[in-house]
Amino acid sequence: MTTVRKNAILVVSIEVDPVDAEELHRWYDEEHGPERLAMPGFVSLRRFRAHDNPNRFLALYVLEYPEAATSPEYMSQVQSQWARDVMAKWKQWDRNVWIELTSNDR
């Protein structure tokens, strides 16, 4: 796979029931976040809560290149039981990789 060195972000939006929010945060802090940041091409992670919905969350990963979020290494990671349990409770979610535009891209 050819790695294109363009700044990118991975944006993940998740909505959970109020009773599941604490477990989601603990999973991100203790397992998911550290695992992702240890992967090649992942630079940082910031998390947000929706202003108008306290049960909707956004994870923003800064990537060195867009393929970091779709590489064979990333896609072949085995999910823990904890990850499967947490993700099974998501009411709604969306995941997209975004590439930074430069003046040459417009």
PDB file of N, CA and C in Angstrom:
ATOM      1  N   MET A   1       0.842  -1.174   0.000  1.00  0.00           N
ATOM      2  CA  MET A   1       0.000   0.000   0.000  1.00  0.00           C
ATOM      3  C   MET A   1       0.888   1.238   0.000  1.00  0.00           C
ATOM      4  N   THR A   2       0.592   2.196  -0.851  1.00  0.00           N
ATOM      5  CA  THR A   2       1.303   3.454  -0.887  1.00  0.00           C
ATOM      6  C   THR A   2       0.725   4.379   0.174  1.00  0.00           C
ATOM      7  N   THR A   3       1.592   4.921   1.013  1.00  0.00           N
ATOM      8  CA  THR A   3       1.143   5.820   2.049  1.00  0.00           C
ATOM      9  C   THR A   3       1.280   7.249   1.557  1.00  0.00           C
ATOM     10  N   VAL A   4       0.169   7.944   1.480  1.00  0.00           N
ATOM     11  CA  VAL A   4       0.149   9.340   1.063  1.00  0.00           C
ATOM     12  C   VAL A   4       0.291  10.187   2.311  1.00  0.00           C
ATOM     13  N   ARG A   5       1.332  11.007   2.360  1.00  0.00           N
ATOM     14  CA  ARG A   5       1.571  11.836   3.539  1.00  0.00           C
ATOM     15  C   ARG A   5       0.786  13.129   3.431  1.00  0.00           C
ATOM     16  N   LYS A   6      -0.482  13.068   3.826  1.00  0.00           N
ATOM     17  CA  LYS A   6      -1.347  14.245   3.894  1.00  0.00           C
ATOM     18  C   LYS A   6      -1.957  14.252   5.282  1.00  0.00           C
ATOM     19  N   ASN A   7      -2.006  15.406   5.888  1.00  0.00           N
ATOM     20  CA  ASN A   7      -2.644  15.500   7.191  1.00  0.00           C
ATOM     21  C   ASN A   7      -4.093  15.062   7.075  1.00  0.00           C
ATOM     22  N   ALA A   8      -4.547  14.350   8.090  1.00  0.00           N
ATOM     23  CA  ALA A   8      -5.912  13.841   8.079  1.00  0.00           C
ATOM     24  C   ALA A   8      -6.426  13.736   9.506  1.00  0.00           C
ATOM     25  N   ILE A   9      -7.741  13.575   9.615  1.00  0.00           N
ATOM     26  CA  ILE A   9      -8.363  13.313  10.904  1.00  0.00           C
ATOM     27  C   ILE A   9      -9.356  12.166  10.739  1.00  0.00           C
ATOM     28  N   LEU A  10      -9.507  11.429  11.799  1.00  0.00           N
ATOM     29  CA  LEU A  10     -10.540  10.409  11.898  1.00  0.00           C
ATOM     30  C   LEU A  10     -11.561  10.954  12.887  1.00  0.00           C
ATOM     31  N   VAL A  11     -12.820  11.044  12.463  1.00  0.00           N
ATOM     32  CA  VAL A  11     -13.886  11.591  13.293  1.00  0.00           C
ATOM     33  C   VAL A  11     -14.895  10.481  13.571  1.00  0.00           C
ATOM     34  N   VAL A  12     -15.129  10.227  14.851  1.00  0.00           N
ATOM     35  CA  VAL A  12     -16.086   9.198  15.255  1.00  0.00           C
ATOM     36  C   VAL A  12     -17.108   9.842  16.174  1.00  0.00           C
ATOM     37  N   SER A  13     -18.380   9.719  15.811  1.00  0.00           N
ATOM     38  CA  SER A  13     -19.486  10.255  16.593  1.00  0.00           C
ATOM     39  C   SER A  13     -20.273   9.080  17.157  1.00  0.00           C
ATOM     40  N   ILE A  14     -20.558   9.140  18.467  1.00  0.00           N
ATOM     41  CA  ILE A  14     -21.234   8.029  19.144  1.00  0.00           C
ATOM     42  C   ILE A  14     -22.325   8.584  20.047  1.00  0.00           C
ATOM     43  N   GLU A  15     -23.469   7.911  20.049  1.00  0.00           N
ATOM     44  CA  GLU A  15     -24.530   8.244  21.007  1.00  0.00           C
ATOM     45  C   GLU A  15     -24.838   6.997  21.825  1.00  0.00           C
ATOM     46  N   VAL A  16     -24.950   7.193  23.136  1.00  0.00           N
ATOM     47  CA  VAL A  16     -25.244   6.083  24.043  1.00  0.00           C
ATOM     48  C   VAL A  16     -26.367   6.490  24.989  1.00  0.00           C
ATOM     49  N   ASP A  17     -26.951   5.520  25.649  1.00  0.00           N
ATOM     50  CA  ASP A  17     -27.905   5.805  26.716  1.00  0.00           C
ATOM     51  C   ASP A  17     -27.143   6.406  27.893  1.00  0.00           C
ATOM     52  N   PRO A  18     -27.788   7.245  28.701  1.00  0.00           N
ATOM     53  CA  PRO A  18     -27.099   7.868  29.839  1.00  0.00           C
ATOM     54  C   PRO A  18     -26.414   6.865  30.768  1.00  0.00           C
ATOM     55  N   VAL A  19     -27.005   5.712  30.975  1.00  0.00           N
ATOM     56  CA  VAL A  19     -26.415   4.715  31.884  1.00  0.00           C
ATOM     57  C   VAL A  19     -25.134   4.109  31.325  1.00  0.00           C
ATOM     58  N   ASP A  20     -24.885   4.259  30.016  1.00  0.00           N
ATOM     59  CA  ASP A  20     -23.712   3.657  29.382  1.00  0.00           C
ATOM     60  C   ASP A  20     -22.559   4.640  29.169  1.00  0.00           C
ATOM     61  N   ALA A  21     -22.770   5.917  29.459  1.00  0.00           N
ATOM     62  CA  ALA A  21     -21.754   6.936  29.179  1.00  0.00           C
ATOM     63  C   ALA A  21     -20.482   6.742  30.005  1.00  0.00           C
ATOM     64  N   GLU A  22     -20.617   6.451  31.285  1.00  0.00           N
ATOM     65  CA  GLU A  22     -19.438   6.297  32.137  1.00  0.00           C
ATOM     66  C   GLU A  22     -18.548   5.154  31.657  1.00  0.00           C
ATOM     67  N   GLU A  23     -19.157   4.045  31.268  1.00  0.00           N
ATOM     68  CA  GLU A  23     -18.388   2.899  30.763  1.00  0.00           C
ATOM     69  C   GLU A  23     -17.693   3.247  29.443  1.00  0.00           C
ATOM     70  N   LEU A  24     -18.368   3.996  28.577  1.00  0.00           N
ATOM     71  CA  LEU A  24     -17.754   4.439  27.323  1.00  0.00           C
ATOM     72  C   LEU A  24     -16.502   5.266  27.611  1.00  0.00           C
ATOM     73  N   HIS A  25     -16.607   6.216  28.537  1.00  0.00           N
ATOM     74  CA  HIS A  25     -15.454   7.066  28.873  1.00  0.00           C
ATOM     75  C   HIS A  25     -14.305   6.245  29.450  1.00  0.00           C
ATOM     76  N   ARG A  26     -14.622   5.314  30.329  1.00  0.00           N
ATOM     77  CA  ARG A  26     -13.586   4.471  30.939  1.00  0.00           C
ATOM     78  C   ARG A  26     -12.888   3.622  29.873  1.00  0.00           C
ATOM     79  N   TRP A  27     -13.663   3.070  28.950  1.00  0.00           N
ATOM     80  CA  TRP A  27     -13.092   2.266  27.856  1.00  0.00           C
ATOM     81  C   TRP A  27     -12.166   3.105  26.987  1.00  0.00           C
ATOM     82  N   TYR A  28     -12.616   4.317  26.620  1.00  0.00           N
ATOM     83  CA  TYR A  28     -11.759   5.206  25.826  1.00  0.00           C
ATOM     84  C   TYR A  28     -10.473   5.522  26.579  1.00  0.00           C
ATOM     85  N   ASP A  29     -10.580   5.851  27.862  1.00  0.00           N
ATOM     86  CA  ASP A  29      -9.418   6.260  28.656  1.00  0.00           C
ATOM     87  C   ASP A  29      -8.442   5.113  28.917  1.00  0.00           C
ATOM     88  N   GLU A  30      -8.960   3.942  29.202  1.00  0.00           N
ATOM     89  CA  GLU A  30      -8.121   2.841  29.653  1.00  0.00           C
ATOM     90  C   GLU A  30      -7.690   1.875  28.549  1.00  0.00           C
ATOM     91  N   GLU A  31      -8.496   1.726  27.503  1.00  0.00           N
ATOM     92  CA  GLU A  31      -8.164   0.737  26.480  1.00  0.00           C
ATOM     93  C   GLU A  31      -8.100   1.328  25.074  1.00  0.00           C
ATOM     94  N   HIS A  32      -9.195   1.821  24.583  1.00  0.00           N
ATOM     95  CA  HIS A  32      -9.283   2.201  23.174  1.00  0.00           C
ATOM     96  C   HIS A  32      -8.332   3.332  22.793  1.00  0.00           C
ATOM     97  N   GLY A  33      -8.357   4.404  23.559  1.00  0.00           N
ATOM     98  CA  GLY A  33      -7.477   5.532  23.259  1.00  0.00           C
ATOM     99  C   GLY A  33      -6.006   5.140  23.239  1.00  0.00           C
ATOM    100  N   PRO A  34      -5.501   4.524  24.310  1.00  0.00           N
ATOM    101  CA  PRO A  34      -4.096   4.111  24.303  1.00  0.00           C
ATOM    102  C   PRO A  34      -3.732   3.144  23.166  1.00  0.00           C
ATOM    103  N   GLU A  35      -4.648   2.223  22.843  1.00  0.00           N
ATOM    104  CA  GLU A  35      -4.386   1.299  21.726  1.00  0.00           C
ATOM    105  C   GLU A  35      -4.254   2.059  20.406  1.00  0.00           C
ATOM    106  N   ARG A  36      -5.172   2.975  20.153  1.00  0.00           N
ATOM    107  CA  ARG A  36      -5.123   3.716  18.890  1.00  0.00           C
ATOM    108  C   ARG A  36      -3.882   4.594  18.813  1.00  0.00           C
ATOM    109  N   LEU A  37      -3.545   5.272  19.892  1.00  0.00           N
ATOM    110  CA  LEU A  37      -2.395   6.170  19.866  1.00  0.00           C
ATOM    111  C   LEU A  37      -1.068   5.422  19.755  1.00  0.00           C
ATOM    112  N   ALA A  38      -1.067   4.129  20.021  1.00  0.00           N
ATOM    113  CA  ALA A  38       0.137   3.306  19.856  1.00  0.00           C
ATOM    114  C   ALA A  38       0.298   2.831  18.414  1.00  0.00           C
ATOM    115  N   MET A  39      -0.718   3.041  17.586  1.00  0.00           N
ATOM    116  CA  MET A  39      -0.676   2.572  16.205  1.00  0.00           C
ATOM    117  C   MET A  39       0.074   3.558  15.307  1.00  0.00           C
ATOM    118  N   PRO A  40       0.745   3.053  14.276  1.00  0.00           N
ATOM    119  CA  PRO A  40       1.445   3.940  13.340  1.00  0.00           C
ATOM    120  C   PRO A  40       0.481   4.938  12.693  1.00  0.00           C
ATOM    121  N   GLY A  41       0.906   6.191  12.646  1.00  0.00           N
ATOM    122  CA  GLY A  41       0.123   7.226  11.983  1.00  0.00           C
ATOM    123  C   GLY A  41      -0.871   7.954  12.864  1.00  0.00           C
ATOM    124  N   PHE A  42      -1.142   7.461  14.065  1.00  0.00           N
ATOM    125  CA  PHE A  42      -2.052   8.135  14.987  1.00  0.00           C
ATOM    126  C   PHE A  42      -1.244   9.098  15.851  1.00  0.00           C
ATOM    127  N   VAL A  43      -1.612  10.371  15.824  1.00  0.00           N
ATOM    128  CA  VAL A  43      -0.843  11.414  16.500  1.00  0.00           C
ATOM    129  C   VAL A  43      -1.473  11.816  17.830  1.00  0.00           C
ATOM    130  N   SER A  44      -2.784  12.062  17.825  1.00  0.00           N
ATOM    131  CA  SER A  44      -3.433  12.515  19.058  1.00  0.00           C
ATOM    132  C   SER A  44      -4.917  12.176  19.027  1.00  0.00           C
ATOM    133  N   LEU A  45      -5.532  12.292  20.194  1.00  0.00           N
ATOM    134  CA  LEU A  45      -6.961  12.025  20.356  1.00  0.00           C
ATOM    135  C   LEU A  45      -7.547  13.100  21.256  1.00  0.00           C
ATOM    136  N   ARG A  46      -8.635  13.697  20.805  1.00  0.00           N
ATOM    137  CA  ARG A  46      -9.407  14.631  21.628  1.00  0.00           C
ATOM    138  C   ARG A  46     -10.855  14.166  21.597  1.00  0.00           C
ATOM    139  N   ARG A  47     -11.544  14.345  22.726  1.00  0.00           N
ATOM    140  CA  ARG A  47     -12.940  13.902  22.817  1.00  0.00           C
ATOM    141  C   ARG A  47     -13.819  15.060  23.235  1.00  0.00           C
ATOM    142  N   PHE A  48     -15.058  15.043  22.741  1.00  0.00           N
ATOM    143  CA  PHE A  48     -16.001  16.126  22.969  1.00  0.00           C
ATOM    144  C   PHE A  48     -17.380  15.561  23.285  1.00  0.00           C
ATOM    145  N   ARG A  49     -18.195  16.389  23.952  1.00  0.00           N
ATOM    146  CA  ARG A  49     -19.601  16.072  24.201  1.00  0.00           C
ATOM    147  C   ARG A  49     -20.425  17.083  23.412  1.00  0.00           C
ATOM    148  N   ALA A  50     -21.534  16.654  22.834  1.00  0.00           N
ATOM    149  CA  ALA A  50     -22.407  17.562  22.086  1.00  0.00           C
ATOM    150  C   ALA A  50     -23.012  18.602  23.025  1.00  0.00           C
ATOM    151  N   HIS A  51     -23.059  19.815  22.571  1.00  0.00           N
ATOM    152  CA  HIS A  51     -23.613  20.910  23.357  1.00  0.00           C
ATOM    153  C   HIS A  51     -25.093  20.689  23.660  1.00  0.00           C
ATOM    154  N   ASP A  52     -25.821  20.129  22.715  1.00  0.00           N
ATOM    155  CA  ASP A  52     -27.271  19.983  22.857  1.00  0.00           C
ATOM    156  C   ASP A  52     -27.730  18.562  23.185  1.00  0.00           C
ATOM    157  N   ASN A  53     -26.783  17.635  23.392  1.00  0.00           N
ATOM    158  CA  ASN A  53     -27.144  16.257  23.723  1.00  0.00           C
ATOM    159  C   ASN A  53     -26.032  15.660  24.587  1.00  0.00           C
ATOM    160  N   PRO A  54     -26.220  15.577  25.897  1.00  0.00           N
ATOM    161  CA  PRO A  54     -25.166  15.100  26.787  1.00  0.00           C
ATOM    162  C   PRO A  54     -24.815  13.620  26.626  1.00  0.00           C
ATOM    163  N   ASN A  55     -25.527  12.917  25.758  1.00  0.00           N
ATOM    164  CA  ASN A  55     -25.255  11.493  25.533  1.00  0.00           C
ATOM    165  C   ASN A  55     -24.642  11.227  24.170  1.00  0.00           C
ATOM    166  N   ARG A  56     -24.225  12.289  23.485  1.00  0.00           N
ATOM    167  CA  ARG A  56     -23.594  12.161  22.171  1.00  0.00           C
ATOM    168  C   ARG A  56     -22.158  12.671  22.279  1.00  0.00           C
ATOM    169  N   PHE A  57     -21.218  11.861  21.795  1.00  0.00           N
ATOM    170  CA  PHE A  57     -19.795  12.146  21.965  1.00  0.00           C
ATOM    171  C   PHE A  57     -19.071  12.088  20.632  1.00  0.00           C
ATOM    172  N   LEU A  58     -17.990  12.830  20.563  1.00  0.00           N
ATOM    173  CA  LEU A  58     -17.170  12.889  19.354  1.00  0.00           C
ATOM    174  C   LEU A  58     -15.729  12.594  19.731  1.00  0.00           C
ATOM    175  N   ALA A  59     -15.098  11.727  18.968  1.00  0.00           N
ATOM    176  CA  ALA A  59     -13.668  11.467  19.117  1.00  0.00           C
ATOM    177  C   ALA A  59     -12.980  11.982  17.859  1.00  0.00           C
ATOM    178  N   LEU A  60     -11.946  12.782  18.049  1.00  0.00           N
ATOM    179  CA  LEU A  60     -11.214  13.386  16.940  1.00  0.00           C
ATOM    180  C   LEU A  60      -9.759  12.937  17.038  1.00  0.00           C
ATOM    181  N   TYR A  61      -9.361  12.077  16.102  1.00  0.00           N
ATOM    182  CA  TYR A  61      -8.001  11.572  16.050  1.00  0.00           C
ATOM    183  C   TYR A  61      -7.236  12.323  14.967  1.00  0.00           C
ATOM    184  N   VAL A  62      -6.097  12.878  15.300  1.00  0.00           N
ATOM    185  CA  VAL A  62      -5.237  13.489  14.292  1.00  0.00           C
ATOM    186  C   VAL A  62      -4.343  12.378  13.742  1.00  0.00           C
ATOM    187  N   LEU A  63      -4.290  12.293  12.407  1.00  0.00           N
ATOM    188  CA  LEU A  63      -3.520  11.252  11.725  1.00  0.00           C
ATOM    189  C   LEU A  63      -2.390  11.875  10.913  1.00  0.00           C
ATOM    190  N   GLU A  64      -1.279  11.185  10.819  1.00  0.00           N
ATOM    191  CA  GLU A  64      -0.185  11.635   9.956  1.00  0.00           C
ATOM    192  C   GLU A  64      -0.540  11.474   8.489  1.00  0.00           C
ATOM    193  N   TYR A  65      -1.390  10.506   8.194  1.00  0.00           N
ATOM    194  CA  TYR A  65      -1.807  10.212   6.826  1.00  0.00           C
ATOM    195  C   TYR A  65      -3.135   9.457   6.902  1.00  0.00           C
ATOM    196  N   PRO A  66      -4.002   9.615   5.913  1.00  0.00           N
ATOM    197  CA  PRO A  66      -5.343   9.021   5.996  1.00  0.00           C
ATOM    198  C   PRO A  66      -5.357   7.499   6.077  1.00  0.00           C
ATOM    199  N   GLU A  67      -4.401   6.847   5.476  1.00  0.00           N
ATOM    200  CA  GLU A  67      -4.386   5.373   5.468  1.00  0.00           C
ATOM    201  C   GLU A  67      -4.159   4.770   6.849  1.00  0.00           C
ATOM    202  N   ALA A  68      -3.737   5.580   7.814  1.00  0.00           N
ATOM    203  CA  ALA A  68      -3.521   5.065   9.168  1.00  0.00           C
ATOM    204  C   ALA A  68      -4.798   4.439   9.727  1.00  0.00           C
ATOM    205  N   ALA A  69      -5.953   4.984   9.352  1.00  0.00           N
ATOM    206  CA  ALA A  69      -7.232   4.499   9.879  1.00  0.00           C
ATOM    207  C   ALA A  69      -7.848   3.382   9.053  1.00  0.00           C
ATOM    208  N   THR A  70      -7.143   2.942   8.002  1.00  0.00           N
ATOM    209  CA  THR A  70      -7.655   1.844   7.173  1.00  0.00           C
ATOM    210  C   THR A  70      -6.571   0.833   6.826  1.00  0.00           C
ATOM    211  N   SER A  71      -5.410   0.967   7.443  1.00  0.00           N
ATOM    212  CA  SER A  71      -4.282   0.082   7.122  1.00  0.00           C
ATOM    213  C   SER A  71      -4.610  -1.355   7.517  1.00  0.00           C
ATOM    214  N   PRO A  72      -3.926  -2.319   6.896  1.00  0.00           N
ATOM    215  CA  PRO A  72      -4.139  -3.719   7.288  1.00  0.00           C
ATOM    216  C   PRO A  72      -3.881  -3.941   8.782  1.00  0.00           C
ATOM    217  N   GLU A  73      -2.876  -3.273   9.333  1.00  0.00           N
ATOM    218  CA  GLU A  73      -2.580  -3.417  10.764  1.00  0.00           C
ATOM    219  C   GLU A  73      -3.760  -2.922  11.613  1.00  0.00           C
ATOM    220  N   TYR A  74      -4.311  -1.790  11.226  1.00  0.00           N
ATOM    221  CA  TYR A  74      -5.459  -1.233  11.950  1.00  0.00           C
ATOM    222  C   TYR A  74      -6.673  -2.151  11.813  1.00  0.00           C
ATOM    223  N   MET A  75      -6.970  -2.552  10.608  1.00  0.00           N
ATOM    224  CA  MET A  75      -8.170  -3.345  10.339  1.00  0.00           C
ATOM    225  C   MET A  75      -8.094  -4.759  10.910  1.00  0.00           C
ATOM    226  N   SER A  76      -6.890  -5.265  11.142  1.00  0.00           N
ATOM    227  CA  SER A  76      -6.761  -6.639  11.633  1.00  0.00           C
ATOM    228  C   SER A  76      -6.685  -6.729  13.157  1.00  0.00           C
ATOM    229  N   GLN A  77      -6.762  -5.603  13.847  1.00  0.00           N
ATOM    230  CA  GLN A  77      -6.730  -5.666  15.306  1.00  0.00           C
ATOM    231  C   GLN A  77      -7.935  -6.430  15.826  1.00  0.00           C
ATOM    232  N   VAL A  78      -7.692  -7.320  16.746  1.00  0.00           N
ATOM    233  CA  VAL A  78      -8.759  -8.103  17.360  1.00  0.00           C
ATOM    234  C   VAL A  78      -9.369  -7.271  18.488  1.00  0.00           C
ATOM    235  N   GLN A  79     -10.685  -7.149  18.480  1.00  0.00           N
ATOM    236  CA  GLN A  79     -11.373  -6.400  19.524  1.00  0.00           C
ATOM    237  C   GLN A  79     -11.465  -7.217  20.798  1.00  0.00           C
ATOM    238  N   SER A  80     -11.244  -6.553  21.908  1.00  0.00           N
ATOM    239  CA  SER A  80     -11.396  -7.213  23.206  1.00  0.00           C
ATOM    240  C   SER A  80     -12.880  -7.444  23.490  1.00  0.00           C
ATOM    241  N   GLN A  81     -13.148  -8.282  24.460  1.00  0.00           N
ATOM    242  CA  GLN A  81     -14.533  -8.482  24.876  1.00  0.00           C
ATOM    243  C   GLN A  81     -15.116  -7.179  25.402  1.00  0.00           C
ATOM    244  N   TRP A  82     -14.297  -6.409  26.106  1.00  0.00           N
ATOM    245  CA  TRP A  82     -14.753  -5.121  26.626  1.00  0.00           C
ATOM    246  C   TRP A  82     -15.178  -4.202  25.474  1.00  0.00           C
ATOM    247  N   ALA A  83     -14.369  -4.139  24.426  1.00  0.00           N
ATOM    248  CA  ALA A  83     -14.711  -3.315  23.261  1.00  0.00           C
ATOM    249  C   ALA A  83     -16.027  -3.776  22.637  1.00  0.00           C
ATOM    250  N   ARG A  84     -16.192  -5.064  22.467  1.00  0.00           N
ATOM    251  CA  ARG A  84     -17.432  -5.578  21.884  1.00  0.00           C
ATOM    252  C   ARG A  84     -18.636  -5.231  22.761  1.00  0.00           C
ATOM    253  N   ASP A  85     -18.472  -5.343  24.075  1.00  0.00           N
ATOM    254  CA  ASP A  85     -19.564  -5.026  24.999  1.00  0.00           C
ATOM    255  C   ASP A  85     -19.935  -3.545  24.943  1.00  0.00           C
ATOM    256  N   VAL A  86     -18.924  -2.676  24.934  1.00  0.00           N
ATOM    257  CA  VAL A  86     -19.166  -1.231  24.888  1.00  0.00           C
ATOM    258  C   VAL A  86     -19.818  -0.850  23.563  1.00  0.00           C
ATOM    259  N   MET A  87     -19.285  -1.340  22.468  1.00  0.00           N
ATOM    260  CA  MET A  87     -19.796  -0.979  21.147  1.00  0.00           C
ATOM    261  C   MET A  87     -21.208  -1.518  20.907  1.00  0.00           C
ATOM    262  N   ALA A  88     -21.564  -2.613  21.535  1.00  0.00           N
ATOM    263  CA  ALA A  88     -22.909  -3.177  21.388  1.00  0.00           C
ATOM    264  C   ALA A  88     -23.980  -2.251  21.970  1.00  0.00           C
ATOM    265  N   LYS A  89     -23.580  -1.332  22.832  1.00  0.00           N
ATOM    266  CA  LYS A  89     -24.527  -0.420  23.483  1.00  0.00           C
ATOM    267  C   LYS A  89     -24.668   0.910  22.748  1.00  0.00           C
ATOM    268  N   TRP A  90     -23.933   1.096  21.678  1.00  0.00           N
ATOM    269  CA  TRP A  90     -24.027   2.351  20.932  1.00  0.00           C
ATOM    270  C   TRP A  90     -25.386   2.416  20.245  1.00  0.00           C
ATOM    271  N   LYS A  91     -26.105   3.500  20.476  1.00  0.00           N
ATOM    272  CA  LYS A  91     -27.408   3.694  19.847  1.00  0.00           C
ATOM    273  C   LYS A  91     -27.242   4.158  18.407  1.00  0.00           C
ATOM    274  N   GLN A  92     -26.217   4.967  18.193  1.00  0.00           N
ATOM    275  CA  GLN A  92     -25.960   5.534  16.875  1.00  0.00           C
ATOM    276  C   GLN A  92     -24.469   5.861  16.807  1.00  0.00           C
ATOM    277  N   TRP A  93     -23.879   5.662  15.624  1.00  0.00           N
ATOM    278  CA  TRP A  93     -22.483   6.055  15.464  1.00  0.00           C
ATOM    279  C   TRP A  93     -22.160   6.303  14.004  1.00  0.00           C
ATOM    280  N   ASP A  94     -21.089   7.074  13.803  1.00  0.00           N
ATOM    281  CA  ASP A  94     -20.635   7.425  12.459  1.00  0.00           C
ATOM    282  C   ASP A  94     -19.121   7.559  12.508  1.00  0.00           C
ATOM    283  N   ARG A  95     -18.448   7.155  11.446  1.00  0.00           N
ATOM    284  CA  ARG A  95     -16.984   7.173  11.393  1.00  0.00           C
ATOM    285  C   ARG A  95     -16.554   7.632  10.009  1.00  0.00           C
ATOM    286  N   ASN A  96     -15.692   8.662   9.957  1.00  0.00           N
ATOM    287  CA  ASN A  96     -15.201   9.175   8.680  1.00  0.00           C
ATOM    288  C   ASN A  96     -13.756   9.630   8.804  1.00  0.00           C
ATOM    289  N   VAL A  97     -13.003   9.429   7.736  1.00  0.00           N
ATOM    290  CA  VAL A  97     -11.640   9.974   7.640  1.00  0.00           C
ATOM    291  C   VAL A  97     -11.720  11.207   6.759  1.00  0.00           C
ATOM    292  N   TRP A  98     -11.132  12.304   7.229  1.00  0.00           N
ATOM    293  CA  TRP A  98     -11.134  13.575   6.520  1.00  0.00           C
ATOM    294  C   TRP A  98      -9.703  13.968   6.192  1.00  0.00           C
ATOM    295  N   ILE A  99      -9.474  14.468   4.980  1.00  0.00           N
ATOM    296  CA  ILE A  99      -8.147  14.882   4.522  1.00  0.00           C
ATOM    297  C   ILE A  99      -8.088  16.403   4.488  1.00  0.00           C
ATOM    298  N   GLU A 100      -7.010  16.940   5.038  1.00  0.00           N
ATOM    299  CA  GLU A 100      -6.843  18.397   5.054  1.00  0.00           C
ATOM    300  C   GLU A 100      -6.676  18.933   3.636  1.00  0.00           C
ATOM    301  N   LEU A 101      -7.423  19.981   3.348  1.00  0.00           N
ATOM    302  CA  LEU A 101      -7.307  20.628   2.031  1.00  0.00           C
ATOM    303  C   LEU A 101      -6.158  21.628   2.035  1.00  0.00           C
ATOM    304  N   THR A 102      -5.468  21.680   0.917  1.00  0.00           N
ATOM    305  CA  THR A 102      -4.459  22.694   0.710  1.00  0.00           C
ATOM    306  C   THR A 102      -4.927  23.541  -0.483  1.00  0.00           C
ATOM    307  N   SER A 103      -4.230  24.595  -0.762  1.00  0.00           N
ATOM    308  CA  SER A 103      -4.627  25.442  -1.895  1.00  0.00           C
ATOM    309  C   SER A 103      -4.568  24.671  -3.208  1.00  0.00           C
ATOM    310  N   ASN A 104      -3.744  23.631  -3.295  1.00  0.00           N
ATOM    311  CA  ASN A 104      -3.662  22.807  -4.516  1.00  0.00           C
ATOM    312  C   ASN A 104      -4.845  21.851  -4.661  1.00  0.00           C
ATOM    313  N   ASP A 105      -5.560  21.601  -3.563  1.00  0.00           N
ATOM    314  CA  ASP A 105      -6.659  20.640  -3.583  1.00  0.00           C
ATOM    315  C   ASP A 105      -8.002  21.259  -3.979  1.00  0.00           C
ATOM    316  N   ARG A 106      -8.095  22.559  -3.971  1.00  0.00           N
ATOM    317  CA  ARG A 106      -9.404  23.208  -4.178  1.00  0.00           C
ATOM    318  C   ARG A 106      -9.709  23.438  -5.622  1.00  0.00           C
TER     319      ARG A 106
END
